[in-house]
Protein backbone atom coordinates (compact mmCIF):
# COMPACT_ATOMS: atom_id res chain seq x y z
CA MET A 1 -2.74 19.13 -8.83
CA PRO A 2 -0.70 17.18 -11.41
CA GLU A 3 -2.08 14.08 -13.07
CA ALA A 4 -0.95 10.64 -11.94
CA ALA A 5 2.23 9.46 -13.67
CA MET A 6 0.83 5.92 -14.02
CA THR A 7 -2.66 4.43 -14.05
CA ALA A 8 -3.82 1.63 -11.75
CA GLU A 9 -3.78 -0.73 -14.73
CA GLU A 10 -0.20 0.19 -15.67
CA ILE A 11 1.00 -0.24 -12.09
CA THR A 12 -0.79 -3.60 -11.75
CA ARG A 13 0.79 -4.88 -14.96
CA ARG A 14 4.31 -3.72 -14.03
CA LEU A 15 4.12 -5.08 -10.47
CA ALA A 16 2.93 -8.46 -11.76
CA LEU A 17 5.89 -8.58 -14.16
CA GLU A 18 8.60 -7.25 -11.85
CA PHE A 19 7.43 -8.63 -8.48
CA PRO A 20 5.48 -11.81 -9.35
CA GLU A 21 6.13 -13.41 -5.96
CA ALA A 22 4.31 -10.57 -4.19
CA PHE A 23 1.80 -9.29 -6.73
CA ASN A 24 -0.08 -12.14 -8.37
CA ASN A 25 -3.59 -13.62 -8.58
CA ARG A 26 -3.12 -15.45 -5.26
CA SER A 27 -1.88 -12.38 -3.34
CA GLY A 28 -5.36 -10.93 -2.88
CA LEU A 29 -4.04 -7.45 -3.67
CA SER A 30 -5.88 -5.14 -6.04
CA ILE A 31 -5.46 -1.47 -6.80
CA LEU A 32 -8.82 0.27 -6.48
CA GLU A 33 -7.68 3.75 -7.50
CA VAL A 34 -4.65 5.98 -7.83
CA ALA A 35 -4.09 9.70 -8.14
CA TYR A 36 -1.14 12.02 -7.83
CA GLY A 37 -0.11 11.67 -4.18
CA ALA A 38 -2.69 9.02 -3.30
CA ALA A 39 -3.82 5.43 -3.67
CA ARG A 40 -6.53 3.06 -2.47
CA VAL A 41 -5.62 -0.64 -2.31
CA ARG A 42 -7.63 -3.70 -1.32
CA GLN A 43 -6.25 -6.81 0.38
CA GLY A 44 -8.68 -9.71 0.10
CA LEU A 45 -8.91 -12.47 2.68
CA ARG A 46 -6.65 -15.37 1.80
CA LYS A 47 -5.42 -18.53 3.46
CA GLY A 48 -2.91 -17.71 6.17
CA SER A 49 -4.22 -14.16 6.75
CA LEU A 50 -5.81 -14.87 10.12
CA ARG A 51 -4.16 -15.17 13.50
CA PRO A 52 -5.52 -16.92 16.58
CA GLY A 53 -8.68 -15.13 17.70
CA GLY A 54 -10.02 -14.81 14.16
CA THR A 55 -8.49 -11.45 13.27
CA MET A 56 -6.32 -10.36 10.37
CA SER A 57 -2.65 -10.78 11.30
CA GLY A 58 -0.25 -7.90 11.86
CA PRO A 59 2.09 -8.97 9.04
CA VAL A 60 -0.83 -8.80 6.59
CA LEU A 61 -1.57 -5.22 7.66
CA MET A 62 2.12 -4.28 7.49
CA ARG A 63 2.45 -5.77 4.00
CA LEU A 64 -0.64 -3.87 2.84
CA THR A 65 0.81 -0.68 4.29
CA ASP A 66 4.13 -1.07 2.48
CA VAL A 67 2.62 -2.12 -0.85
CA SER A 68 0.05 0.67 -0.72
CA ILE A 69 2.52 3.50 -0.24
CA TYR A 70 4.74 2.04 -2.97
CA ILE A 71 1.73 2.09 -5.33
CA ALA A 72 0.98 5.73 -4.41
CA ILE A 73 4.62 6.61 -5.08
CA LEU A 74 4.60 4.90 -8.49
CA ALA A 75 1.37 6.74 -9.36
CA THR A 76 3.07 10.00 -8.43
CA ILE A 77 6.63 9.76 -9.81
CA GLY A 78 6.33 6.95 -12.37
CA TRP A 79 7.96 3.54 -12.52
CA GLU A 80 10.83 3.39 -10.01
CA PRO A 81 11.43 -0.22 -8.97
CA LEU A 82 14.48 0.64 -6.85
CA ALA A 83 12.56 2.88 -4.43
CA VAL A 84 12.85 1.31 -0.97
CA THR A 85 11.25 1.63 2.43
CA THR A 86 13.48 3.44 4.93
CA ASN A 87 10.95 3.72 7.75
CA LEU A 88 7.56 2.21 8.56
CA ASN A 89 5.69 2.93 11.77
CA ILE A 90 2.32 1.28 12.32
CA ASN A 91 -0.23 1.58 15.11
CA PHE A 92 -2.80 -1.20 15.44
CA LEU A 93 -5.99 0.54 16.58
CA LYS A 94 -8.78 -2.02 16.50
CA LYS A 95 -9.19 -5.74 15.90
CA PRO A 96 -9.85 -6.08 12.13
CA ALA A 97 -12.69 -8.34 11.07
CA PRO A 98 -11.70 -11.51 9.22
CA GLY A 99 -12.17 -10.22 5.68
CA ALA A 100 -10.91 -7.74 3.13
CA LEU A 101 -8.95 -4.66 4.15
CA ILE A 102 -8.90 -1.28 2.40
CA SER A 103 -5.85 0.97 2.57
CA ASP A 104 -5.96 4.70 1.84
CA VAL A 105 -2.63 6.46 1.24
CA ARG A 106 -1.90 10.16 1.19
CA LEU A 107 1.63 11.31 0.38
CA LEU A 108 2.64 14.14 2.73
CA LYS A 109 6.07 15.03 1.31
CA ILE A 110 7.21 14.34 -2.22
CA GLY A 111 10.89 15.20 -2.39
CA LYS A 112 13.66 14.31 -4.81
CA ARG A 113 15.18 11.69 -2.46
CA LEU A 114 12.50 11.00 0.17
CA ILE A 115 8.75 10.53 0.08
CA VAL A 116 6.68 10.41 3.28
CA GLY A 117 3.16 9.04 3.44
CA ASP A 118 0.22 8.56 5.76
CA ILE A 119 -1.69 5.26 5.52
CA THR A 120 -5.06 4.37 7.05
CA ILE A 121 -6.39 0.81 6.92
CA ARG A 122 -10.02 -0.15 7.47
CA SER A 123 -11.94 -3.41 7.34
CA GLU A 124 -14.02 -3.36 4.16
CA GLY A 125 -17.44 -1.91 4.93
CA ASP A 126 -16.35 -0.29 8.22
CA GLU A 127 -15.38 3.37 8.51
CA ASP A 128 -13.39 2.97 11.73
CA PRO A 129 -9.64 2.57 11.15
CA VAL A 130 -8.04 -0.69 12.26
CA ALA A 131 -4.49 0.61 11.73
CA HIS A 132 -2.67 3.84 10.98
CA ALA A 133 0.87 4.07 9.65
CA THR A 134 3.46 6.50 8.40
CA ALA A 135 6.18 5.43 6.04
CA THR A 136 9.19 6.94 4.31
CA TYR A 137 10.63 5.74 1.02
CA SER A 138 14.02 6.54 -0.43
CA ILE A 139 14.11 7.36 -4.13
CA PRO A 140 17.38 6.47 -5.87
CA PRO A 141 19.27 9.32 -7.51
CA HIS A 142 18.94 9.60 -11.27
CA LYS A 143 22.19 9.70 -13.20
């Protein structure tokens, strides 16, 4: 298997520079590890993350899903800020505990124009998935 094109530290630094509104100290996001075709990302509990009933909100899980696959893509193909989500399908499986979430991404297809990934989200410290998603990203053509 090829080596990752970018390290977790490189991706963190670039995201903070290019997307400061989404990837900053207050976002609660941290990259735990990356590899070619994979990533593990943590979303910490932050104000506004909970919905009535004391569970993590759906938008928080969807954001983690989208950010996580983007990180796996960057680790695999290198810095490509114009890659965009073309499809995201998420299934909420279990009520997540009010706390940190861990996302594990596995890229299933790495093509020249499309990348498809499988994302599993768990509450930190729990092996049972709280959500499962698939997502497709479009990679812009290189001139």
